[in-house]
Amino acid sequence: MGFGDAIQSFYKNFNDLSGRSSRSEYWWAYLFVNLLLIPVFAVVVLLSIVVPFLGGLIFVAYIVIHALPFCTLLVRRLHDTGRSGWIALLNLVPFGGIAVLVFTLQESDAGQNQYGPNPSAPRDYPPMTVQAATGGFCSSCGNELRGNSGFCGNCGASTSRQ
């Protein structure tokens, strides 16, 4: 998953505790939240000089706005490694955050686990014959076929009967 997709997923799934999140999705979102903190912190410092209460209020608002989405992302990331989301509570125990960090760095469980399919795995499409593919879907990539060109517009595979 790329940077833009990870940010979009981060905000779109802000309240979703089910499913799994890939390692790239987690770390791209982590980078974004921390990079966004730099200009927010600069504004907070400047405002704190003029109006101390307003600077603190903006900082608290930033934390509140990003805390829930990041907690749910952490739970989905733990699900991706086959662990319960309750393990995130280790962050509240001294040195427990180190274990959580190690879990977020681990690779995804291969295939499907109890929390859902692997978000990093290529999608499996049901096997199709060339005849079935000409009925609407490519046998190579599973993309919907449009028109009668004889080739898939997505992967270029031939869809004509041989």
Protein backbone atom coordinates (compact mmCIF):
# COMPACT_ATOMS: atom_id res chain seq x y z
CA MET A 1 0.00 0.00 0.00
CA GLY A 2 1.33 3.42 -0.92
CA PHE A 3 1.51 6.58 1.15
CA GLY A 4 -1.68 8.18 -0.19
CA ASP A 5 -3.73 4.99 0.10
CA ALA A 6 -2.51 4.48 3.66
CA ILE A 7 -3.55 8.00 4.70
CA GLN A 8 -6.93 7.61 3.04
CA SER A 9 -7.47 4.27 4.78
CA PHE A 10 -6.27 5.75 8.10
CA TYR A 11 -9.03 8.36 8.13
CA LYS A 12 -11.68 6.28 6.38
CA ASN A 13 -11.38 3.37 8.85
CA PHE A 14 -11.00 5.55 11.94
CA ASN A 15 -13.55 3.53 13.93
CA ASP A 16 -13.07 0.06 12.46
CA LEU A 17 -11.58 -2.43 14.92
CA SER A 18 -12.20 -5.45 12.71
CA GLY A 19 -10.01 -6.75 9.94
CA ARG A 20 -6.32 -6.36 9.30
CA SER A 21 -3.89 -3.59 8.30
CA SER A 22 -0.65 -4.24 6.49
CA ARG A 23 2.74 -3.21 7.80
CA SER A 24 3.06 -0.55 5.08
CA GLU A 25 -0.36 0.91 5.91
CA TYR A 26 0.58 1.18 9.60
CA TRP A 27 4.00 2.74 9.10
CA TRP A 28 2.92 5.16 6.35
CA ALA A 29 0.15 6.42 8.64
CA TYR A 30 2.62 6.63 11.53
CA LEU A 31 4.96 8.73 9.39
CA PHE A 32 2.12 11.00 8.25
CA VAL A 33 0.84 11.65 11.78
CA ASN A 34 4.34 12.49 12.99
CA LEU A 35 5.20 14.68 9.99
CA LEU A 36 1.91 16.53 10.45
CA LEU A 37 2.87 17.13 14.07
CA ILE A 38 5.82 19.35 13.00
CA PRO A 39 3.76 22.26 11.56
CA VAL A 40 1.10 21.79 14.26
CA PHE A 41 3.77 22.08 16.93
CA ALA A 42 5.22 25.20 15.26
CA VAL A 43 1.76 26.83 15.27
CA VAL A 44 1.25 25.79 18.89
CA VAL A 45 4.57 27.35 19.94
CA LEU A 46 3.83 30.60 18.12
CA LEU A 47 0.30 30.82 19.48
CA SER A 48 1.46 29.97 22.99
CA ILE A 49 3.60 33.09 22.99
CA VAL A 50 0.59 35.28 22.20
CA VAL A 51 -2.32 33.31 23.69
CA PRO A 52 -1.05 30.40 25.83
CA PHE A 53 -4.46 28.78 26.22
CA LEU A 54 -5.15 28.68 22.47
CA GLY A 55 -1.84 26.97 21.66
CA GLY A 56 -2.50 24.25 24.21
CA LEU A 57 -6.06 23.83 22.95
CA ILE A 58 -4.87 23.27 19.37
CA PHE A 59 -2.32 20.69 20.53
CA VAL A 60 -4.93 18.80 22.57
CA ALA A 61 -7.32 18.91 19.59
CA TYR A 62 -4.61 17.41 17.33
CA ILE A 63 -4.01 14.59 19.81
CA VAL A 64 -7.73 13.89 20.26
CA ILE A 65 -8.40 13.90 16.50
CA HIS A 66 -5.60 11.41 15.78
CA ALA A 67 -5.73 9.19 18.89
CA LEU A 68 -8.80 7.12 17.94
CA PRO A 69 -7.80 6.46 14.31
CA PHE A 70 -4.30 5.49 15.37
CA CYS A 71 -5.53 3.18 18.15
CA THR A 72 -7.86 1.38 15.74
CA LEU A 73 -5.05 1.15 13.18
CA LEU A 74 -2.80 -0.40 15.85
CA VAL A 75 -5.49 -2.96 16.69
CA ARG A 76 -5.87 -3.90 13.01
CA ARG A 77 -2.07 -4.15 12.69
CA LEU A 78 -1.94 -6.51 15.67
CA HIS A 79 -4.74 -8.53 14.04
CA ASP A 80 -2.56 -8.78 10.92
CA THR A 81 0.13 -10.53 12.97
CA GLY A 82 -2.43 -12.92 14.47
CA ARG A 83 -2.68 -11.18 17.85
CA SER A 84 -5.61 -9.79 19.77
CA GLY A 85 -6.12 -6.04 19.77
CA TRP A 86 -6.06 -6.13 23.57
CA ILE A 87 -2.26 -6.48 23.32
CA ALA A 88 -2.22 -2.75 22.51
CA LEU A 89 -2.86 -2.18 26.22
CA LEU A 90 0.73 -3.27 26.85
CA ASN A 91 1.59 0.32 25.91
CA LEU A 92 0.26 1.30 29.34
CA VAL A 93 2.76 -0.96 31.14
CA PRO A 94 6.41 0.07 31.58
CA PHE A 95 8.46 -1.42 28.73
CA GLY A 96 5.30 -3.01 27.28
CA GLY A 97 5.50 -0.63 24.34
CA ILE A 98 8.68 -2.41 23.23
CA ALA A 99 6.71 -5.65 22.75
CA VAL A 100 4.00 -3.79 20.84
CA LEU A 101 6.66 -2.19 18.63
CA VAL A 102 8.16 -5.60 17.86
CA PHE A 103 4.70 -6.95 16.97
CA THR A 104 4.05 -4.06 14.57
CA LEU A 105 7.37 -4.73 12.84
CA GLN A 106 6.59 -8.39 12.16
CA GLU A 107 5.39 -9.67 8.81
CA SER A 108 1.73 -10.36 8.18
CA ASP A 109 0.30 -13.80 8.78
CA ALA A 110 0.29 -15.58 5.45
CA GLY A 111 -3.15 -16.17 4.06
CA GLN A 112 -6.28 -15.71 6.09
CA ASN A 113 -6.27 -15.70 9.89
CA GLN A 114 -9.11 -15.37 12.40
CA TYR A 115 -9.33 -11.63 11.69
CA GLY A 116 -9.71 -11.83 7.92
CA PRO A 117 -7.73 -12.16 4.69
CA ASN A 118 -4.17 -10.93 4.36
CA PRO A 119 -4.34 -7.30 3.12
CA SER A 120 -0.91 -7.60 1.47
CA ALA A 121 -1.59 -10.80 -0.45
CA PRO A 122 -2.54 -10.71 -4.10
CA ARG A 123 -6.21 -11.36 -4.61
CA ASP A 124 -7.18 -14.85 -5.60
CA TYR A 125 -9.62 -15.03 -8.45
CA PRO A 126 -11.61 -18.15 -9.17
CA PRO A 127 -10.19 -20.12 -12.07
CA MET A 128 -11.99 -19.42 -15.33
CA THR A 129 -11.82 -20.85 -18.77
CA VAL A 130 -11.33 -18.64 -21.79
CA GLN A 131 -14.98 -19.18 -22.66
CA ALA A 132 -16.06 -17.97 -19.22
CA ALA A 133 -13.74 -15.00 -19.52
CA THR A 134 -15.42 -13.85 -22.70
CA GLY A 135 -18.62 -13.77 -20.67
CA GLY A 136 -17.38 -10.80 -18.66
CA PHE A 137 -14.15 -11.38 -16.70
CA CYS A 138 -10.52 -11.99 -17.63
CA SER A 139 -9.18 -15.44 -16.75
CA SER A 140 -5.72 -13.98 -16.00
CA CYS A 141 -6.43 -11.05 -13.70
CA GLY A 142 -10.18 -11.21 -12.99
CA ASN A 143 -10.80 -7.72 -14.39
CA GLU A 144 -14.20 -7.06 -15.96
CA LEU A 145 -14.00 -7.14 -19.75
CA ARG A 146 -15.47 -4.29 -21.76
CA GLY A 147 -16.02 -4.31 -25.48
CA ASN A 148 -15.11 -7.05 -27.92
CA SER A 149 -11.43 -6.32 -28.51
CA GLY A 150 -10.35 -9.88 -27.68
CA PHE A 151 -7.86 -8.60 -25.08
CA CYS A 152 -8.14 -7.65 -21.43
CA GLY A 153 -7.77 -3.89 -20.97
CA ASN A 154 -6.06 -4.44 -17.61
CA CYS A 155 -3.41 -7.11 -18.23
CA GLY A 156 -3.50 -7.53 -22.04
CA ALA A 157 -4.31 -11.26 -21.94
CA SER A 158 -6.13 -12.71 -24.92
CA THR A 159 -9.80 -13.42 -24.26
CA SER A 160 -10.69 -14.86 -27.66
CA ARG A 161 -11.55 -18.54 -28.09
CA GLN A 162 -8.80 -20.61 -29.54
